Amino acid sequence: MVLGFLLVIFGILILPTPAPGLLFIFLGLSVLALEIKWARELNQQGMQILERVLARLRKIFKRKDKKDE
């Protein structure tokens, strides 16, 4: 549990830098989700948002591929 909090805090601290801060935040939330209910729910919401974003990106790139042909 301590590791999860440390990863989230570290991710927040490095957000302004070019380092992958969001990756550390999501990794920390995933560790916390193993034991804490609110972290599990937040992690699920984040995954749903990520799936929607990826679906939109796939649509955009499929349109570009069709235009190129």
C-alpha atoms as a PDB file:
ATOM      1  CA  MET A   1       0.000   0.000   0.000  1.00  0.00           C
ATOM      2  CA  VAL A   2       2.854   2.352   0.798  1.00  0.00           C
ATOM      3  CA  LEU A   3       4.372   1.602  -2.604  1.00  0.00           C
ATOM      4  CA  GLY A   4       1.139   2.668  -4.302  1.00  0.00           C
ATOM      5  CA  PHE A   5       1.044   5.991  -2.478  1.00  0.00           C
ATOM      6  CA  LEU A   6       4.718   6.611  -3.233  1.00  0.00           C
ATOM      7  CA  LEU A   7       4.187   5.943  -6.947  1.00  0.00           C
ATOM      8  CA  VAL A   8       1.201   8.308  -7.083  1.00  0.00           C
ATOM      9  CA  ILE A   9       3.090  11.058  -5.250  1.00  0.00           C
ATOM     10  CA  PHE A  10       6.160  10.563  -7.442  1.00  0.00           C
ATOM     11  CA  GLY A  11       3.972  10.713 -10.567  1.00  0.00           C
ATOM     12  CA  ILE A  12       2.387  13.965  -9.416  1.00  0.00           C
ATOM     13  CA  LEU A  13       5.794  15.470  -8.674  1.00  0.00           C
ATOM     14  CA  ILE A  14       7.206  14.660 -12.120  1.00  0.00           C
ATOM     15  CA  LEU A  15       4.145  15.744 -14.112  1.00  0.00           C
ATOM     16  CA  PRO A  16       5.690  19.113 -15.110  1.00  0.00           C
ATOM     17  CA  THR A  17       8.802  17.373 -16.447  1.00  0.00           C
ATOM     18  CA  PRO A  18       9.068  15.396 -19.700  1.00  0.00           C
ATOM     19  CA  ALA A  19       9.089  12.175 -17.675  1.00  0.00           C
ATOM     20  CA  PRO A  20       6.046   9.829 -17.798  1.00  0.00           C
ATOM     21  CA  GLY A  21       4.248  11.139 -14.700  1.00  0.00           C
ATOM     22  CA  LEU A  22       0.836   9.809 -15.717  1.00  0.00           C
ATOM     23  CA  LEU A  23       2.270   6.340 -16.076  1.00  0.00           C
ATOM     24  CA  PHE A  24       3.494   6.396 -12.465  1.00  0.00           C
ATOM     25  CA  ILE A  25       0.127   7.732 -11.263  1.00  0.00           C
ATOM     26  CA  PHE A  26      -1.800   4.961 -13.013  1.00  0.00           C
ATOM     27  CA  LEU A  27       0.679   2.349 -11.827  1.00  0.00           C
ATOM     28  CA  GLY A  28       0.341   3.610  -8.252  1.00  0.00           C
ATOM     29  CA  LEU A  29      -3.445   3.558  -8.485  1.00  0.00           C
ATOM     30  CA  SER A  30      -3.298  -0.006  -9.783  1.00  0.00           C
ATOM     31  CA  VAL A  31      -1.228  -1.048  -6.772  1.00  0.00           C
ATOM     32  CA  LEU A  32      -3.600   0.765  -4.412  1.00  0.00           C
ATOM     33  CA  ALA A  33      -6.621  -0.790  -6.140  1.00  0.00           C
ATOM     34  CA  LEU A  34      -5.541  -4.170  -4.837  1.00  0.00           C
ATOM     35  CA  GLU A  35      -6.509  -3.119  -1.306  1.00  0.00           C
ATOM     36  CA  ILE A  36      -8.552   0.109  -1.353  1.00  0.00           C
ATOM     37  CA  LYS A  37     -12.051   0.382  -2.811  1.00  0.00           C
ATOM     38  CA  TRP A  38     -11.910   4.069  -3.869  1.00  0.00           C
ATOM     39  CA  ALA A  39      -8.664   3.429  -5.731  1.00  0.00           C
ATOM     40  CA  ARG A  40     -10.247   0.444  -7.497  1.00  0.00           C
ATOM     41  CA  GLU A  41     -13.190   2.580  -8.626  1.00  0.00           C
ATOM     42  CA  LEU A  42     -10.901   5.399  -9.753  1.00  0.00           C
ATOM     43  CA  ASN A  43      -8.758   2.912 -11.638  1.00  0.00           C
ATOM     44  CA  GLN A  44     -11.839   1.493 -13.394  1.00  0.00           C
ATOM     45  CA  GLN A  45     -12.968   4.978 -14.419  1.00  0.00           C
ATOM     46  CA  GLY A  46      -9.513   5.720 -15.774  1.00  0.00           C
ATOM     47  CA  MET A  47      -9.516   2.504 -17.785  1.00  0.00           C
ATOM     48  CA  GLN A  48     -12.932   3.334 -19.258  1.00  0.00           C
ATOM     49  CA  ILE A  49     -11.736   6.782 -20.295  1.00  0.00           C
ATOM     50  CA  LEU A  50      -8.596   5.279 -21.819  1.00  0.00           C
ATOM     51  CA  GLU A  51     -10.676   2.766 -23.797  1.00  0.00           C
ATOM     52  CA  ARG A  52     -12.874   5.581 -25.172  1.00  0.00           C
ATOM     53  CA  VAL A  53      -9.840   7.629 -26.184  1.00  0.00           C
ATOM     54  CA  LEU A  54      -8.261   4.642 -27.916  1.00  0.00           C
ATOM     55  CA  ALA A  55     -11.509   3.889 -29.768  1.00  0.00           C
ATOM     56  CA  ARG A  56     -11.639   7.495 -31.043  1.00  0.00           C
ATOM     57  CA  LEU A  57      -8.022   7.345 -32.144  1.00  0.00           C
ATOM     58  CA  ARG A  58      -8.668   4.107 -34.020  1.00  0.00           C
ATOM     59  CA  LYS A  59     -11.582   5.765 -35.842  1.00  0.00           C
ATOM     60  CA  ILE A  60      -9.438   8.748 -36.778  1.00  0.00           C
ATOM     61  CA  PHE A  61      -6.619   6.604 -38.126  1.00  0.00           C
ATOM     62  CA  LYS A  62      -9.028   4.357 -40.037  1.00  0.00           C
ATOM     63  CA  ARG A  63     -10.453   7.443 -41.756  1.00  0.00           C
ATOM     64  CA  LYS A  64      -6.962   8.614 -42.687  1.00  0.00           C
ATOM     65  CA  ASP A  65      -6.118   5.187 -44.102  1.00  0.00           C
ATOM     66  CA  LYS A  66      -9.256   5.182 -46.243  1.00  0.00           C
ATOM     67  CA  LYS A  67      -8.464   8.666 -47.566  1.00  0.00           C
ATOM     68  CA  ASP A  68      -4.924   7.614 -48.484  1.00  0.00           C
ATOM     69  CA  GLU A  69      -6.145   4.676 -50.578  1.00  0.00           C
END
